Protein backbone atom coordinates (compact mmCIF):
# COMPACT_ATOMS: atom_id res chain seq x y z
CA MET A 1 -66.99 -48.29 0.86
CA MET A 2 -66.19 -44.77 1.95
CA ALA A 3 -64.10 -46.01 4.90
CA ASP A 4 -62.10 -48.37 2.70
CA SER A 5 -61.33 -45.54 0.27
CA VAL A 6 -60.15 -43.27 3.10
CA TRP A 7 -57.87 -45.95 4.52
CA THR A 8 -56.47 -46.61 1.07
CA TRP A 9 -55.52 -42.97 0.62
CA ILE A 10 -54.04 -42.80 4.14
CA LEU A 11 -51.90 -45.83 3.34
CA LYS A 12 -50.75 -44.24 0.10
CA LEU A 13 -49.87 -41.01 1.94
CA CYS A 14 -47.82 -42.90 4.50
CA VAL A 15 -45.94 -44.72 1.76
CA LEU A 16 -45.19 -41.50 -0.07
CA THR A 17 -44.02 -39.82 3.15
CA LYS A 18 -41.72 -42.74 3.89
CA ILE A 19 -40.33 -42.59 0.37
CA PHE A 20 -39.67 -38.84 0.67
CA LEU A 21 -37.85 -39.11 3.99
CA PHE A 22 -35.82 -42.09 2.85
CA THR A 23 -34.66 -40.53 -0.39
CA THR A 24 -33.87 -37.19 1.28
CA ALA A 25 -31.58 -38.85 3.83
CA GLN A 26 -29.85 -40.94 1.17
CA THR A 27 -29.20 -38.17 -1.37
CA GLU A 28 -27.41 -35.48 0.67
CA HIS A 29 -24.74 -33.82 -1.50
CA MET A 30 -25.95 -35.89 -4.48
CA THR A 31 -27.63 -34.94 -7.75
CA ASN A 32 -29.98 -36.97 -9.97
CA VAL A 33 -28.44 -36.59 -13.42
CA ALA A 34 -31.07 -38.63 -15.29
CA VAL A 35 -33.84 -36.00 -15.32
CA ASN A 36 -34.95 -35.11 -18.86
CA LYS A 37 -31.96 -36.76 -20.54
CA PRO A 38 -32.32 -38.50 -23.94
CA CYS A 39 -33.94 -41.94 -23.58
CA SER A 40 -35.43 -44.84 -25.54
CA ILE A 41 -37.91 -47.71 -24.97
CA SER A 42 -38.56 -50.93 -26.91
CA SER A 43 -42.41 -50.68 -26.88
CA ARG A 44 -45.44 -49.00 -25.22
CA TYR A 45 -48.51 -50.70 -23.78
CA VAL A 46 -51.72 -49.68 -25.56
CA GLY A 47 -54.33 -51.84 -23.79
CA GLY A 48 -56.79 -50.60 -21.21
CA ALA A 49 -54.36 -47.81 -20.31
CA LEU A 50 -51.81 -45.95 -22.40
CA SER A 51 -48.17 -46.17 -21.31
CA GLY A 52 -46.17 -43.02 -21.17
CA ASP A 53 -43.16 -42.68 -23.46
CA CYS A 54 -39.59 -43.29 -22.19
CA SER A 55 -39.33 -39.78 -20.70
CA VAL A 56 -42.03 -40.32 -18.04
CA ALA A 57 -39.56 -42.55 -16.14
CA ILE A 58 -37.10 -39.64 -15.76
CA ASN A 59 -39.38 -36.63 -15.33
CA GLY A 60 -38.78 -36.30 -11.59
CA ASN A 61 -42.27 -37.51 -10.60
CA THR A 62 -41.96 -40.38 -8.12
CA ASN A 63 -45.70 -41.21 -7.96
CA THR A 64 -45.93 -45.02 -8.17
CA THR A 65 -49.67 -45.29 -8.93
CA PHE A 66 -50.73 -46.46 -12.41
CA VAL A 67 -54.38 -45.43 -12.96
CA THR A 68 -56.39 -47.24 -15.67
CA VAL A 69 -57.52 -44.33 -17.83
CA SER A 70 -57.14 -43.45 -21.48
CA THR A 71 -54.55 -40.70 -20.94
CA PRO A 72 -50.76 -41.49 -20.86
CA GLN A 73 -49.53 -42.59 -17.45
CA ASN A 74 -46.65 -41.45 -15.25
CA CYS A 75 -45.06 -44.92 -15.59
CA ILE A 76 -43.63 -46.84 -18.52
CA HIS A 77 -45.30 -50.11 -19.50
CA THR A 78 -44.00 -52.21 -22.42
CA ASN A 79 -46.37 -54.03 -24.81
CA GLN A 80 -47.52 -57.59 -24.13
CA SER A 81 -46.04 -58.76 -27.41
CA ASP A 82 -42.56 -57.51 -26.43
CA PHE A 83 -40.63 -60.49 -25.02
CA HIS A 84 -37.25 -58.68 -24.88
CA PRO A 85 -38.16 -55.27 -23.45
CA PHE A 86 -35.58 -52.56 -22.69
CA TRP A 87 -35.40 -48.98 -21.54
CA SER A 88 -32.24 -46.81 -21.60
CA VAL A 89 -31.04 -43.28 -20.87
CA ASP A 90 -27.99 -41.42 -22.18
CA LEU A 91 -26.47 -39.15 -19.48
CA GLU A 92 -24.58 -37.26 -22.25
CA GLN A 93 -21.28 -37.53 -20.38
CA ASN A 94 -19.40 -39.95 -18.14
CA PHE A 95 -20.30 -39.81 -14.47
CA SER A 96 -19.07 -41.50 -11.34
CA VAL A 97 -22.40 -43.13 -10.49
CA HIS A 98 -23.01 -43.83 -6.79
CA ARG A 99 -26.53 -45.17 -6.77
CA ILE A 100 -29.52 -45.91 -8.97
CA THR A 101 -32.96 -45.72 -7.40
CA ILE A 102 -35.85 -47.49 -9.16
CA TYR A 103 -39.51 -46.84 -8.30
CA GLY A 104 -41.71 -49.81 -9.34
CA ARG A 105 -45.44 -49.83 -9.77
CA TYR A 106 -47.43 -49.82 -6.54
CA GLN A 107 -49.00 -53.28 -5.88
CA MET A 108 -47.17 -54.63 -8.95
CA GLU A 109 -43.75 -55.02 -7.31
CA LYS A 110 -43.42 -58.56 -8.77
CA ARG A 111 -42.98 -57.02 -12.22
CA MET A 112 -39.47 -56.06 -11.07
CA ASP A 113 -38.53 -59.75 -10.80
CA CYS A 114 -35.48 -60.64 -12.94
CA VAL A 115 -34.96 -57.02 -14.08
CA GLN A 116 -31.30 -56.35 -14.98
CA VAL A 117 -29.59 -52.95 -14.63
CA SER A 118 -26.30 -52.16 -16.40
CA LEU A 119 -24.00 -49.18 -16.89
CA ASP A 120 -22.14 -49.02 -20.19
CA GLY A 121 -22.72 -52.76 -20.57
CA ARG A 122 -21.46 -53.64 -17.05
CA GLU A 123 -24.15 -55.32 -15.01
CA LEU A 124 -24.74 -53.45 -11.75
CA TYR A 125 -27.66 -55.40 -10.33
CA LYS A 126 -30.23 -58.13 -11.09
CA PHE A 127 -33.47 -58.23 -9.11
CA PRO A 128 -34.44 -61.48 -7.37
CA CYS A 129 -36.06 -63.92 -9.74
CA PRO A 130 -38.69 -64.24 -8.28
CA GLY A 131 -38.86 -62.47 -4.92
CA THR A 132 -39.02 -58.68 -5.32
CA THR A 133 -41.22 -57.15 -2.61
CA ASN A 134 -40.16 -53.48 -2.40
CA VAL A 135 -41.61 -50.77 -4.55
CA ILE A 136 -38.40 -48.74 -4.15
CA THR A 137 -34.99 -50.29 -4.71
CA ASN A 138 -31.61 -48.62 -4.27
CA ILE A 139 -28.81 -50.10 -6.33
CA THR A 140 -25.28 -49.25 -5.17
CA ALA A 141 -22.72 -48.65 -7.91
CA ASN A 142 -18.94 -48.48 -7.76
CA PRO A 143 -18.15 -44.74 -7.93
CA SER A 144 -14.59 -45.45 -9.03
CA GLN A 145 -15.98 -46.49 -12.43
CA ARG A 146 -17.58 -43.90 -14.65
CA GLY A 147 -20.37 -44.53 -17.09
CA ARG A 148 -22.72 -42.77 -19.46
CA VAL A 149 -25.58 -45.09 -20.60
CA VAL A 150 -27.88 -46.89 -18.14
CA ASN A 151 -29.82 -49.79 -19.62
CA ILE A 152 -32.69 -51.78 -18.04
CA THR A 153 -33.90 -55.13 -19.49
CA ARG A 154 -36.07 -58.13 -18.54
CA ASP A 155 -36.35 -61.60 -20.06
CA GLN A 156 -38.73 -63.52 -17.74
CA PRO A 157 -42.44 -62.80 -17.13
CA SER A 158 -44.06 -62.58 -13.72
CA ASP A 159 -46.67 -65.08 -12.57
CA GLY A 160 -49.91 -64.41 -14.43
CA ASP A 161 -48.30 -62.17 -17.09
CA LEU A 162 -48.06 -63.28 -20.69
CA ALA A 163 -44.93 -61.18 -21.34
CA PRO A 164 -41.97 -59.91 -19.21
CA PHE A 165 -43.38 -56.41 -18.86
CA LEU A 166 -41.16 -53.47 -17.91
CA ASN A 167 -43.48 -51.54 -15.61
CA ILE A 168 -41.44 -48.75 -13.88
CA CYS A 169 -42.57 -45.33 -12.63
CA GLU A 170 -39.28 -43.45 -12.02
CA ILE A 171 -35.54 -44.04 -12.39
CA GLN A 172 -33.01 -41.84 -10.57
CA ILE A 173 -29.26 -41.92 -11.21
CA TRP A 174 -27.29 -40.33 -8.38
CA VAL A 175 -23.85 -38.77 -8.58
CA CYS A 176 -22.01 -36.42 -6.22
CA SER A 177 -23.15 -32.84 -6.56
CA SER A 178 -20.74 -30.37 -8.09
CA GLY A 179 -18.10 -29.54 -5.49
CA TYR A 180 -18.16 -33.01 -3.86
CA TRP A 181 -16.26 -36.21 -4.55
CA GLY A 182 -15.57 -39.80 -3.52
CA GLN A 183 -17.55 -42.63 -1.94
CA ASN A 184 -19.12 -40.35 0.68
CA CYS A 185 -19.45 -37.24 -1.50
CA THR A 186 -16.91 -35.27 0.53
CA ALA A 187 -16.68 -31.55 -0.16
CA CYS A 188 -13.88 -30.43 -2.46
CA ALA A 189 -11.05 -28.66 -0.68
CA ILE A 190 -11.44 -24.90 -0.26
CA GLY A 191 -8.20 -24.51 -2.19
CA CYS A 192 -9.84 -25.84 -5.36
CA ASN A 193 -10.58 -23.42 -8.16
CA ASN A 194 -14.28 -24.10 -8.77
CA THR A 195 -14.91 -27.89 -8.57
CA CYS A 196 -12.85 -31.07 -8.19
CA ASP A 197 -12.67 -34.53 -9.75
CA ASP A 198 -15.70 -36.55 -8.60
CA ILE A 199 -13.62 -39.71 -8.03
CA ASP A 200 -10.37 -38.64 -6.35
CA GLY A 201 -11.00 -34.99 -5.45
CA ALA A 202 -8.09 -33.68 -7.54
CA CYS A 203 -8.48 -30.10 -8.72
CA ARG A 204 -6.78 -26.98 -10.00
CA CYS A 205 -5.63 -24.86 -7.07
CA ILE A 206 -6.33 -21.22 -6.47
CA ASP A 207 -3.40 -18.99 -5.59
CA GLY A 208 -1.84 -19.83 -2.23
CA TRP A 209 -2.74 -23.55 -2.28
CA THR A 210 -0.91 -26.65 -3.48
CA GLY A 211 -1.13 -30.45 -3.50
CA PRO A 212 -3.18 -32.82 -5.68
CA ARG A 213 -6.36 -31.86 -3.81
CA CYS A 214 -5.23 -28.32 -2.92
CA THR A 215 -5.24 -29.04 0.80
CA GLU A 216 -1.89 -27.43 1.68
CA CYS A 217 -0.57 -23.87 1.56
CA SER A 218 1.99 -23.26 -1.16
CA ASP A 219 5.46 -21.89 -0.42
CA GLY A 220 5.27 -18.32 0.80
CA HIS A 221 1.75 -18.67 2.24
CA TYR A 222 0.30 -19.84 5.53
CA ASN A 223 -3.10 -20.88 6.81
CA GLU A 224 -3.86 -18.65 9.79
CA SER A 225 -7.26 -17.72 8.33
CA ASN A 226 -7.88 -21.20 6.89
CA ASP A 227 -7.57 -19.92 3.35
CA CYS A 228 -3.79 -19.86 2.71
CA GLN A 229 -4.05 -16.21 1.69
CA ASN A 230 -1.69 -15.01 4.42
CA ILE A 231 1.70 -14.23 2.88
CA CYS A 232 4.98 -14.94 4.67
CA GLY A 233 6.79 -11.91 6.05
CA LYS A 234 9.31 -10.08 3.83
CA GLY A 235 12.05 -10.70 6.41
CA CYS A 236 12.09 -14.57 6.03
CA HIS A 237 15.50 -16.23 5.78
CA ASP A 238 13.56 -18.96 3.98
CA THR A 239 9.87 -19.72 3.58
CA CYS A 240 7.71 -19.55 6.70
CA SER A 241 5.67 -22.21 8.48
CA ARG A 242 2.62 -23.07 6.35
CA THR A 243 0.56 -23.36 9.52
CA ASP A 244 1.16 -20.14 11.47
CA GLY A 245 3.62 -18.10 9.36
CA THR A 246 6.48 -18.11 11.88
CA CYS A 247 10.03 -18.08 10.53
CA GLN A 248 13.63 -17.15 11.29
CA CYS A 249 13.95 -13.40 10.71
CA ARG A 250 16.81 -11.60 9.01
CA PRO A 251 18.52 -8.78 10.98
CA GLY A 252 16.31 -5.73 11.32
CA TRP A 253 13.00 -7.67 11.24
CA GLN A 254 10.61 -8.39 14.10
CA PRO A 255 10.02 -12.05 15.09
CA PRO A 256 8.07 -14.27 14.90
CA LEU A 257 6.34 -13.35 11.60
CA CYS A 258 9.07 -11.08 10.16
CA GLN A 259 6.42 -8.78 8.70
CA HIS A 260 7.55 -5.55 10.40
CA CYS A 261 10.82 -3.89 11.30
CA SER A 262 12.23 -4.51 14.74
CA ASP A 263 12.79 -1.65 17.21
CA GLY A 264 15.47 0.75 15.98
CA HIS A 265 14.90 -0.03 12.27
CA TYR A 266 12.54 1.24 9.60
CA ASP A 267 11.42 0.17 6.16
CA ALA A 268 12.22 3.09 3.84
CA SER A 269 14.19 0.77 1.54
CA ASN A 270 11.70 -2.09 1.92
CA ASP A 271 14.27 -4.18 3.79
CA CYS A 272 14.28 -2.81 7.39
CA GLN A 273 18.01 -2.11 7.14
CA ASN A 274 17.64 1.63 7.86
CA THR A 275 18.43 2.48 11.49
CA CYS A 276 16.70 5.17 13.54
CA GLY A 277 18.49 8.51 13.93
CA GLY A 278 20.75 9.01 16.93
CA GLY A 279 18.76 12.04 18.08
CA CYS A 280 15.43 10.24 18.58
CA HIS A 281 13.85 10.56 22.04
CA ASP A 282 12.54 7.00 21.64
CA THR A 283 12.48 4.49 18.82
CA CYS A 284 11.42 5.79 15.42
CA SER A 285 8.50 4.87 13.17
CA ARG A 286 9.07 1.41 11.68
CA THR A 287 7.60 2.65 8.41
CA ASP A 288 9.47 5.87 7.54
CA GLY A 289 11.95 6.41 10.41
CA THR A 290 10.39 9.63 11.71
CA CYS A 291 10.53 10.28 15.45
CA GLN A 292 10.42 12.97 18.12
CA CYS A 293 13.88 14.58 18.07
CA GLN A 294 15.93 15.79 20.97
CA LEU A 295 16.27 19.59 21.10
CA THR A 296 19.49 19.98 19.06
CA TRP A 297 18.73 17.39 16.33
CA GLN A 298 17.13 17.94 12.94
CA PRO A 299 13.55 16.61 12.38
CA PRO A 300 12.02 14.45 11.06
CA LEU A 301 14.65 11.66 11.07
CA CYS A 302 16.94 13.12 13.80
CA GLN A 303 20.01 11.95 11.89
CA GLY A 304 21.76 15.33 11.69
CA CYS A 305 22.15 18.42 13.85
CA ALA A 306 19.59 21.19 13.86
CA ASP A 307 20.66 24.66 12.68
CA GLY A 308 23.05 26.20 15.18
CA TRP A 309 24.50 22.91 16.43
CA PHE A 310 27.11 20.49 15.23
CA GLY A 311 29.31 17.64 16.44
CA SER A 312 28.76 13.93 16.96
CA GLU A 313 26.23 14.62 19.71
CA CYS A 314 24.92 17.90 18.23
CA THR A 315 25.97 19.78 21.39
CA GLU A 316 28.64 22.15 19.99
CA CYS A 317 28.72 25.60 18.36
CA GLY A 318 31.07 28.61 18.62
CA HIS A 319 30.28 32.23 19.53
CA CYS A 320 28.74 33.42 16.28
CA ALA A 321 27.96 37.14 15.91
CA ASN A 322 25.03 39.10 14.46
CA ASN A 323 22.48 36.46 15.45
CA SER A 324 24.09 34.03 13.02
CA VAL A 325 24.47 30.30 13.72
CA CYS A 326 27.22 27.86 12.89
CA ASP A 327 27.00 25.39 10.01
CA ASN A 328 25.47 22.15 11.34
CA ASN A 329 28.00 20.07 9.37
CA THR A 330 31.31 21.97 9.81
CA GLY A 331 30.66 24.23 12.82
CA VAL A 332 31.91 27.30 10.91
CA CYS A 333 30.28 30.67 11.80
CA PRO A 334 29.66 33.43 9.24
CA PHE A 335 30.80 36.02 11.83
CA CYS A 336 32.51 35.74 15.20
CA ASP A 337 31.46 37.60 18.34
CA GLY A 338 34.05 39.79 20.09
CA ASP A 339 37.58 38.34 20.21
CA PHE A 340 36.55 34.81 19.38
CA VAL A 341 38.67 33.29 16.65
CA ALA A 342 37.36 32.29 13.20
CA PRO A 343 36.32 29.98 11.66
CA LEU A 344 34.77 28.19 14.65
CA CYS A 345 34.49 31.34 16.78
CA LEU A 346 36.31 29.81 19.78
CA ASP A 347 38.55 31.59 22.24
CA ALA A 348 42.37 31.55 21.70
CA ARG A 349 43.12 28.55 23.90
CA GLU A 350 40.40 26.45 22.31
CA ALA A 351 41.71 27.42 18.87
CA VAL A 352 45.38 26.56 19.75
CA SER A 353 44.36 23.26 21.25
CA LEU A 354 42.85 22.46 17.91
CA VAL A 355 45.70 23.92 15.76
CA GLY A 356 48.71 22.63 17.77
CA PRO A 357 48.29 18.94 17.08
CA VAL A 358 47.77 19.63 13.39
CA VAL A 359 50.97 21.71 13.04
CA GLY A 360 52.99 19.28 15.17
CA ALA A 361 51.95 16.38 13.03
CA ALA A 362 52.95 18.21 9.85
CA VAL A 363 56.45 19.09 11.25
CA THR A 364 57.08 15.55 12.43
CA CYS A 365 56.19 14.07 9.05
CA SER A 366 58.51 16.51 7.25
CA VAL A 367 61.49 15.73 9.51
CA VAL A 368 61.01 11.98 9.12
CA PHE A 369 60.82 12.32 5.36
CA LEU A 370 64.03 14.41 5.13
CA ALA A 371 65.99 12.16 7.49
CA THR A 372 65.05 9.16 5.39
CA GLY A 373 66.30 10.90 2.24
CA VAL A 374 69.69 11.69 3.88
CA VAL A 375 70.23 8.08 4.95
CA ILE A 376 69.42 6.78 1.48
CA GLY A 377 71.88 9.30 -0.05
CA LEU A 378 74.70 8.15 2.32
CA LEU A 379 74.14 4.52 1.40
CA LEU A 380 74.29 5.29 -2.32
CA ARG A 381 77.52 7.28 -2.00
CA ARG A 382 79.17 4.64 0.16
CA SER A 383 78.31 2.03 -2.47
CA ARG A 384 79.94 4.12 -5.20
CA SER A 385 83.11 4.71 -3.16
CA GLN A 386 83.76 0.97 -2.95
CA GLN A 387 83.83 0.44 -6.75
CA PRO A 388 87.43 0.16 -8.34
CA SER A 389 86.59 2.61 -11.07
CA ASP A 390 85.48 5.22 -8.58
CA THR A 391 86.97 8.58 -9.57
CA VAL A 392 86.06 10.39 -6.36
CA ARG A 393 89.16 11.55 -4.42
CA PRO A 394 89.62 10.20 -0.91
CA HIS A 395 89.89 13.62 0.65
CA LEU A 396 86.56 14.55 -0.95
CA GLN A 397 84.93 11.47 0.55
CA LEU A 398 86.31 12.35 3.97
CA SER A 399 85.16 15.90 3.59
CA MET A 400 81.64 14.88 2.63
CA THR A 401 81.48 12.29 5.37
CA SER A 402 82.71 14.79 7.88
CA ASP A 403 80.19 17.36 6.75
CA LEU A 404 77.36 14.85 6.92
CA SER A 405 78.52 13.61 10.28
CA ASN A 406 78.56 17.08 11.67
CA SER A 407 75.17 17.69 10.15
CA LEU A 408 73.67 14.58 11.74
CA THR A 409 75.11 15.30 15.13
CA THR A 410 73.29 18.62 15.23
CA THR A 411 69.88 17.18 14.29
CA PRO A 412 67.14 18.18 15.12
CA SER A 413 68.45 21.64 16.11
CA ALA A 414 71.08 21.86 13.35
CA GLN A 415 70.41 22.92 9.84
CA LEU A 416 69.43 20.13 7.37
CA ALA A 417 70.21 20.50 3.69
CA ASP A 418 67.85 19.14 1.04
CA SER A 419 69.97 17.06 -1.37
CA THR A 420 67.33 17.59 -4.05
CA ASN A 421 67.52 21.38 -3.74
CA PRO A 422 70.14 22.71 -6.22
CA ASP A 423 70.31 25.99 -4.42
CA ASN A 424 70.92 24.22 -1.13
CA THR A 425 68.14 26.37 0.33
CA THR A 426 67.57 26.01 4.07
CA VAL A 427 64.32 24.11 4.82
CA TYR A 428 64.22 24.44 8.62
CA SER A 429 66.18 26.97 10.70
CA ASN A 430 67.87 26.02 13.93
CA VAL A 431 65.33 25.45 16.63
CA ASP A 432 66.17 25.64 20.29
CA PRO A 433 65.03 22.27 21.74
CA HIS A 434 64.14 24.00 25.02
CA VAL A 435 61.60 26.33 23.43
CA ASN A 436 57.98 25.11 23.65
CA THR A 437 56.25 24.82 20.25
CA TYR A 438 52.99 26.19 21.67
CA ASP A 439 54.81 29.33 22.92
CA ILE A 440 56.03 29.93 19.39
CA LEU A 441 52.51 29.47 18.04
CA ASN A 442 51.11 31.88 20.62
CA THR A 443 53.59 34.59 19.54
CA ARG A 444 52.46 34.39 15.97
CA ASP A 445 49.65 36.34 14.40
CA ASN A 446 46.48 34.54 15.41
CA THR A 447 44.67 35.88 12.37
CA ASN A 448 47.08 34.22 9.94
CA THR A 449 46.89 30.93 11.84
CA TYR A 450 43.09 30.69 11.65
CA THR A 451 43.03 31.86 8.09
CA SER A 452 45.15 28.81 7.25
CA LEU A 453 42.84 26.53 9.22
CA LYS A 454 39.78 27.96 7.53
CA THR A 455 41.18 26.86 4.18
CA ARG A 456 41.57 23.31 5.60
CA PHE A 457 37.96 23.23 6.67
């Protein structure tokens, strides 16, 4: 007797172990949504053993043994007078049901014969009638159809039974766990905000993702870190590659990501259009343009001359006196050393070489302007002399023409009269064409010459 009892318990343990391993392998990424949900049952057996109420079939206990004692059992058992038994559970919302697992009563598997299982009135499965041999049965559902109420019925008794008992120990209704979807319970995309639709995987995207299932980076983002949180560089001509962020850079930006300024540019205006100063020893900082300046350039940007230097290359400055330095924009000294000439404190030749071209240009412009006025006056007078009503005497015309002719033949050394000057004041005195203009300038008072130039600066 003792040996038989031990073997019976060993057999039960093996069955339970097999059930545990089987259900664990089949329910990865799935959740049983039937546990402790509202249920109903048509009747309860009250014979030699008391049937549990409808809830014992969805309490999570998969023990399939029905012990004949007076206390309620872990399995449901309808009354022998109930010829149309049913049991149902309300899942309280629509689910995409993948599978229903039913645990029958151990050694009473035949009581599952002809049992019908439906979801919202759609029949999912009918057990063989007769022919059921397994204590555990997995019923595959179509996950593309959602349902809420699972109903189990039976209308034919088993051999030896007076009524078509419903004798079931546990019912499990499996759906994809939150965050999984589809036939194989695939994980929702990482771009989904929280969870996704359990049928097609559609979801609301977090920032940086797009697409019905949020599987692609949105415009302006790329997936280098597999999260679409990398933002395209500010220097994109258009949006960047959604895979690696590369793009065609605008001028001043560094390829291939266009996230930083290229050599020789910096980002003070947030557009990399600022160029490094001309006095930098090497390229400047791509952030603020600072660099190590050459000796005569002004830190920190090296875009202007340091104090005491001026010119396009910051290499010039006159001979300033009293330890003063020239202005780094104009080159003017406060005081000149020795005989050096203000305002730039250069020697006489350097000053004349600067003044000569300026004076020459002014004289040339004045002569051209006056000659043009004389020609226009001649043309106007000639036009008047040809009119019939002209009252000017012929000898006057000849006299004026002669005077003008003589005047023109002496240009540029002859005296030119300004026709607009009522006093006929002389504008330029006769100048000997053989005398060098620079000799004349050198004979003048150097002080007056540079005083005039100082006002120009």
